[in-house]
Amino acid sequence: MKKLDVPIGGVRWLTVTSPEGAEDVELVLEPNNFPQARSSQKALYDAGFPAAVFTTNNIVAEYHRLKGLGVTFRGDPKSVWPVTTVPFEDTCGNLIMLVQPAA
């Protein structure tokens, strides 16, 4: 859920939090309004390198929950010892990795 939305010049400082997560943890997406940032973002995305990694205790349930909400995944969860991973795309041109550590 949105926590902060502060105008700063031609951009906004926008942060989001999870209602189930720690109260003091916020995420911010850096703007890519200049050519170098856009080309760097695209290169990372094209190479399959995640911009962020989120962990979960139940990757299968989270995968199905997010998929039901319309999230675009790049495949199904795959075990790569000692973790299970699945990448997904955000709506801003970034790749995000969902990870479940081995028990």
N, C-alpha and C. Protein backbone atom coordinates (compact mmCIF):
# COMPACT_ATOMS: atom_id res chain seq x y z
N MET A 1 0.84 -1.16 0.00
CA MET A 1 0.00 0.00 0.00
C MET A 1 0.89 1.23 0.00
N LYS A 2 0.40 2.31 -0.56
CA LYS A 2 1.18 3.53 -0.67
C LYS A 2 1.38 4.14 0.71
N LYS A 3 2.64 4.52 1.01
CA LYS A 3 2.93 5.16 2.30
C LYS A 3 3.25 6.64 2.11
N LEU A 4 4.20 6.95 1.24
CA LEU A 4 4.56 8.34 0.99
C LEU A 4 4.37 8.66 -0.49
N ASP A 5 3.95 9.88 -0.77
CA ASP A 5 3.84 10.38 -2.13
C ASP A 5 4.14 11.88 -2.07
N VAL A 6 5.43 12.21 -2.25
CA VAL A 6 5.89 13.58 -2.05
C VAL A 6 6.44 14.12 -3.36
N PRO A 7 5.87 15.23 -3.90
CA PRO A 7 6.43 15.83 -5.12
C PRO A 7 7.82 16.42 -4.85
N ILE A 8 8.76 16.11 -5.75
CA ILE A 8 10.11 16.66 -5.66
C ILE A 8 10.50 17.10 -7.07
N GLY A 9 10.35 18.37 -7.34
CA GLY A 9 10.65 18.85 -8.68
C GLY A 9 9.74 18.21 -9.69
N GLY A 10 10.31 17.60 -10.73
CA GLY A 10 9.52 16.95 -11.77
C GLY A 10 9.21 15.50 -11.50
N VAL A 11 9.60 14.98 -10.34
CA VAL A 11 9.34 13.59 -9.98
C VAL A 11 8.62 13.54 -8.63
N ARG A 12 8.30 12.33 -8.20
CA ARG A 12 7.66 12.14 -6.89
C ARG A 12 8.46 11.11 -6.11
N TRP A 13 8.56 11.31 -4.79
CA TRP A 13 9.14 10.32 -3.89
C TRP A 13 7.96 9.48 -3.44
N LEU A 14 7.85 8.29 -3.99
CA LEU A 14 6.73 7.40 -3.74
C LEU A 14 7.25 6.13 -3.10
N THR A 15 6.69 5.76 -1.95
CA THR A 15 7.09 4.52 -1.30
C THR A 15 5.86 3.66 -1.05
N VAL A 16 6.09 2.36 -1.02
CA VAL A 16 5.02 1.41 -0.72
C VAL A 16 5.47 0.51 0.41
N THR A 17 4.49 -0.01 1.15
CA THR A 17 4.74 -0.94 2.23
C THR A 17 3.77 -2.11 2.12
N SER A 18 4.05 -3.15 2.86
CA SER A 18 3.14 -4.29 2.92
C SER A 18 2.34 -4.21 4.21
N PRO A 19 1.03 -4.37 4.14
CA PRO A 19 0.24 -4.36 5.38
C PRO A 19 0.59 -5.53 6.29
N GLU A 20 1.15 -6.60 5.75
CA GLU A 20 1.53 -7.75 6.56
C GLU A 20 2.99 -7.70 7.01
N GLY A 21 3.76 -6.74 6.48
CA GLY A 21 5.19 -6.70 6.74
C GLY A 21 5.57 -5.80 7.89
N ALA A 22 6.87 -5.63 8.04
CA ALA A 22 7.40 -4.75 9.09
C ALA A 22 6.99 -3.31 8.81
N GLU A 23 6.59 -2.61 9.85
CA GLU A 23 6.09 -1.25 9.70
C GLU A 23 7.14 -0.28 9.18
N ASP A 24 8.41 -0.53 9.48
CA ASP A 24 9.45 0.41 9.10
C ASP A 24 10.16 0.06 7.80
N VAL A 25 9.62 -0.87 7.01
CA VAL A 25 10.22 -1.24 5.73
C VAL A 25 9.39 -0.63 4.60
N GLU A 26 10.06 0.18 3.76
CA GLU A 26 9.41 0.80 2.62
C GLU A 26 10.23 0.52 1.36
N LEU A 27 9.56 0.41 0.23
CA LEU A 27 10.24 0.27 -1.05
C LEU A 27 10.05 1.54 -1.85
N VAL A 28 11.10 1.92 -2.56
CA VAL A 28 11.02 3.07 -3.45
C VAL A 28 11.60 2.66 -4.80
N LEU A 29 10.96 3.07 -5.87
CA LEU A 29 11.46 2.79 -7.22
C LEU A 29 12.12 4.06 -7.73
N GLU A 30 13.39 3.95 -8.05
CA GLU A 30 14.13 5.10 -8.56
C GLU A 30 13.60 5.49 -9.94
N PRO A 31 13.53 6.78 -10.23
CA PRO A 31 13.04 7.20 -11.55
C PRO A 31 14.05 6.85 -12.65
N ASN A 32 13.53 6.63 -13.83
CA ASN A 32 14.42 6.38 -14.97
C ASN A 32 14.12 7.40 -16.06
N ASN A 33 14.04 8.66 -15.66
CA ASN A 33 13.68 9.70 -16.61
C ASN A 33 14.88 10.31 -17.34
N PHE A 34 16.00 9.62 -17.35
CA PHE A 34 17.11 10.06 -18.20
C PHE A 34 17.65 8.85 -18.95
N PRO A 35 18.21 9.05 -20.14
CA PRO A 35 18.56 7.95 -21.05
C PRO A 35 19.45 6.87 -20.43
N GLN A 36 20.44 7.24 -19.64
CA GLN A 36 21.34 6.23 -19.06
C GLN A 36 20.58 5.29 -18.13
N ALA A 37 19.65 5.81 -17.35
CA ALA A 37 18.87 4.96 -16.45
C ALA A 37 17.99 4.01 -17.25
N ARG A 38 17.36 4.50 -18.31
CA ARG A 38 16.50 3.65 -19.13
C ARG A 38 17.29 2.54 -19.81
N SER A 39 18.47 2.86 -20.34
CA SER A 39 19.25 1.82 -21.03
C SER A 39 19.80 0.81 -20.03
N SER A 40 20.19 1.25 -18.85
CA SER A 40 20.66 0.33 -17.82
C SER A 40 19.53 -0.60 -17.37
N GLN A 41 18.36 -0.04 -17.14
CA GLN A 41 17.20 -0.84 -16.73
C GLN A 41 16.87 -1.88 -17.79
N LYS A 42 16.86 -1.48 -19.06
CA LYS A 42 16.54 -2.41 -20.14
C LYS A 42 17.59 -3.51 -20.26
N ALA A 43 18.86 -3.16 -20.10
CA ALA A 43 19.93 -4.17 -20.19
C ALA A 43 19.78 -5.21 -19.09
N LEU A 44 19.51 -4.77 -17.87
CA LEU A 44 19.30 -5.71 -16.76
C LEU A 44 18.09 -6.60 -17.02
N TYR A 45 17.00 -6.00 -17.46
CA TYR A 45 15.77 -6.73 -17.75
C TYR A 45 16.01 -7.77 -18.84
N ASP A 46 16.63 -7.36 -19.94
CA ASP A 46 16.89 -8.26 -21.06
C ASP A 46 17.82 -9.41 -20.67
N ALA A 47 18.74 -9.15 -19.74
CA ALA A 47 19.68 -10.19 -19.29
C ALA A 47 19.06 -11.10 -18.23
N GLY A 48 17.85 -10.77 -17.77
CA GLY A 48 17.21 -11.59 -16.74
C GLY A 48 17.71 -11.32 -15.34
N PHE A 49 18.34 -10.16 -15.14
CA PHE A 49 18.89 -9.82 -13.83
C PHE A 49 17.84 -9.05 -13.03
N PRO A 50 17.45 -9.54 -11.85
CA PRO A 50 16.38 -8.89 -11.10
C PRO A 50 16.80 -7.55 -10.50
N ALA A 51 15.85 -6.63 -10.48
CA ALA A 51 16.05 -5.34 -9.83
C ALA A 51 15.85 -5.46 -8.33
N ALA A 52 15.11 -6.48 -7.91
CA ALA A 52 14.85 -6.72 -6.48
C ALA A 52 14.57 -8.20 -6.29
N VAL A 53 14.77 -8.66 -5.07
CA VAL A 53 14.49 -10.05 -4.70
C VAL A 53 13.63 -10.02 -3.45
N PHE A 54 12.51 -10.73 -3.50
CA PHE A 54 11.63 -10.87 -2.34
C PHE A 54 11.61 -12.32 -1.91
N THR A 55 11.66 -12.55 -0.61
CA THR A 55 11.59 -13.93 -0.10
C THR A 55 10.20 -14.22 0.44
N THR A 56 9.86 -15.48 0.44
CA THR A 56 8.58 -15.96 0.94
C THR A 56 8.79 -17.32 1.59
N ASN A 57 7.88 -17.68 2.47
CA ASN A 57 7.93 -19.00 3.11
C ASN A 57 7.15 -20.04 2.33
N ASN A 58 6.33 -19.60 1.35
CA ASN A 58 5.53 -20.52 0.55
C ASN A 58 5.43 -19.98 -0.87
N ILE A 59 6.42 -20.32 -1.68
CA ILE A 59 6.51 -19.75 -3.02
C ILE A 59 5.37 -20.21 -3.92
N VAL A 60 4.91 -21.44 -3.75
CA VAL A 60 3.84 -21.95 -4.60
C VAL A 60 2.54 -21.16 -4.34
N ALA A 61 2.21 -20.97 -3.07
CA ALA A 61 1.00 -20.23 -2.73
C ALA A 61 1.11 -18.77 -3.19
N GLU A 62 2.27 -18.16 -3.00
CA GLU A 62 2.46 -16.77 -3.40
C GLU A 62 2.43 -16.63 -4.92
N TYR A 63 3.00 -17.57 -5.61
CA TYR A 63 2.98 -17.60 -7.07
C TYR A 63 1.52 -17.61 -7.57
N HIS A 64 0.71 -18.51 -7.02
CA HIS A 64 -0.69 -18.61 -7.45
C HIS A 64 -1.49 -17.36 -7.06
N ARG A 65 -1.22 -16.81 -5.88
CA ARG A 65 -1.92 -15.60 -5.44
C ARG A 65 -1.61 -14.43 -6.37
N LEU A 66 -0.31 -14.22 -6.65
CA LEU A 66 0.09 -13.11 -7.52
C LEU A 66 -0.37 -13.32 -8.96
N LYS A 67 -0.28 -14.55 -9.44
CA LYS A 67 -0.74 -14.85 -10.80
C LYS A 67 -2.24 -14.55 -10.92
N GLY A 68 -3.00 -14.88 -9.89
CA GLY A 68 -4.43 -14.58 -9.88
C GLY A 68 -4.73 -13.10 -9.89
N LEU A 69 -3.76 -12.29 -9.44
CA LEU A 69 -3.90 -10.84 -9.46
C LEU A 69 -3.42 -10.21 -10.77
N GLY A 70 -2.96 -11.07 -11.71
CA GLY A 70 -2.54 -10.59 -13.02
C GLY A 70 -1.05 -10.37 -13.19
N VAL A 71 -0.24 -10.81 -12.22
CA VAL A 71 1.21 -10.66 -12.33
C VAL A 71 1.72 -11.58 -13.44
N THR A 72 2.65 -11.05 -14.26
CA THR A 72 3.24 -11.81 -15.36
C THR A 72 4.53 -12.47 -14.89
N PHE A 73 4.53 -13.79 -14.82
CA PHE A 73 5.70 -14.57 -14.42
C PHE A 73 6.45 -15.06 -15.64
N ARG A 74 7.74 -15.28 -15.48
CA ARG A 74 8.57 -15.87 -16.53
C ARG A 74 8.78 -17.34 -16.21
N GLY A 75 7.72 -18.10 -16.23
CA GLY A 75 7.79 -19.53 -15.95
C GLY A 75 7.16 -19.86 -14.61
N ASP A 76 7.40 -21.09 -14.18
CA ASP A 76 6.88 -21.61 -12.92
C ASP A 76 8.01 -21.64 -11.90
N PRO A 77 7.67 -21.74 -10.60
CA PRO A 77 8.72 -21.87 -9.59
C PRO A 77 9.63 -23.06 -9.90
N LYS A 78 10.94 -22.84 -9.73
CA LYS A 78 11.92 -23.88 -10.05
C LYS A 78 12.90 -24.01 -8.89
N SER A 79 13.15 -25.23 -8.47
CA SER A 79 14.12 -25.48 -7.40
C SER A 79 15.52 -25.45 -7.95
N VAL A 80 16.32 -24.58 -7.38
CA VAL A 80 17.74 -24.48 -7.70
C VAL A 80 18.43 -24.49 -6.34
N TRP A 81 18.83 -25.70 -5.92
CA TRP A 81 19.30 -25.89 -4.56
C TRP A 81 20.21 -24.75 -4.14
N PRO A 82 20.07 -24.17 -3.00
CA PRO A 82 19.16 -24.46 -1.89
C PRO A 82 17.91 -23.58 -1.86
N VAL A 83 17.48 -23.06 -3.02
CA VAL A 83 16.31 -22.18 -3.04
C VAL A 83 15.37 -22.59 -4.16
N THR A 84 14.13 -22.11 -4.07
CA THR A 84 13.18 -22.21 -5.17
C THR A 84 12.93 -20.77 -5.62
N THR A 85 12.96 -20.55 -6.94
CA THR A 85 12.84 -19.19 -7.46
C THR A 85 11.83 -19.13 -8.60
N VAL A 86 11.31 -17.93 -8.81
CA VAL A 86 10.51 -17.65 -10.00
C VAL A 86 10.57 -16.14 -10.25
N PRO A 87 10.96 -15.74 -11.46
CA PRO A 87 11.01 -14.31 -11.77
C PRO A 87 9.65 -13.82 -12.28
N PHE A 88 9.36 -12.55 -11.98
CA PHE A 88 8.16 -11.93 -12.52
C PHE A 88 8.47 -10.50 -12.91
N GLU A 89 7.59 -9.94 -13.72
CA GLU A 89 7.77 -8.59 -14.25
C GLU A 89 6.91 -7.62 -13.47
N ASP A 90 7.48 -6.46 -13.13
CA ASP A 90 6.65 -5.42 -12.53
C ASP A 90 6.04 -4.59 -13.66
N THR A 91 5.34 -3.55 -13.34
CA THR A 91 4.69 -2.76 -14.38
C THR A 91 5.55 -1.59 -14.86
N CYS A 92 6.82 -1.56 -14.43
CA CYS A 92 7.71 -0.44 -14.77
C CYS A 92 8.93 -0.87 -15.56
N GLY A 93 8.95 -2.10 -16.09
CA GLY A 93 10.08 -2.55 -16.89
C GLY A 93 11.19 -3.20 -16.09
N ASN A 94 10.87 -3.68 -14.89
CA ASN A 94 11.87 -4.36 -14.06
C ASN A 94 11.51 -5.82 -13.88
N LEU A 95 12.52 -6.62 -13.65
CA LEU A 95 12.34 -8.03 -13.33
C LEU A 95 12.53 -8.18 -11.82
N ILE A 96 11.61 -8.89 -11.16
CA ILE A 96 11.67 -9.12 -9.72
C ILE A 96 11.78 -10.63 -9.51
N MET A 97 12.61 -11.05 -8.56
CA MET A 97 12.77 -12.47 -8.27
C MET A 97 12.07 -12.80 -6.96
N LEU A 98 11.22 -13.82 -7.00
CA LEU A 98 10.59 -14.34 -5.80
C LEU A 98 11.36 -15.59 -5.40
N VAL A 99 11.76 -15.67 -4.13
CA VAL A 99 12.64 -16.74 -3.66
C VAL A 99 12.09 -17.36 -2.38
N GLN A 100 12.17 -18.70 -2.32
CA GLN A 100 11.88 -19.41 -1.07
C GLN A 100 13.14 -20.17 -0.68
N PRO A 101 13.77 -19.77 0.44
CA PRO A 101 14.97 -20.49 0.89
C PRO A 101 14.59 -21.92 1.30
N ALA A 102 15.55 -22.81 1.23
CA ALA A 102 15.33 -24.19 1.68
C ALA A 102 15.08 -24.20 3.17
N ALA A 103 14.26 -25.13 3.59
CA ALA A 103 13.93 -25.21 5.03
C ALA A 103 15.10 -25.76 5.82
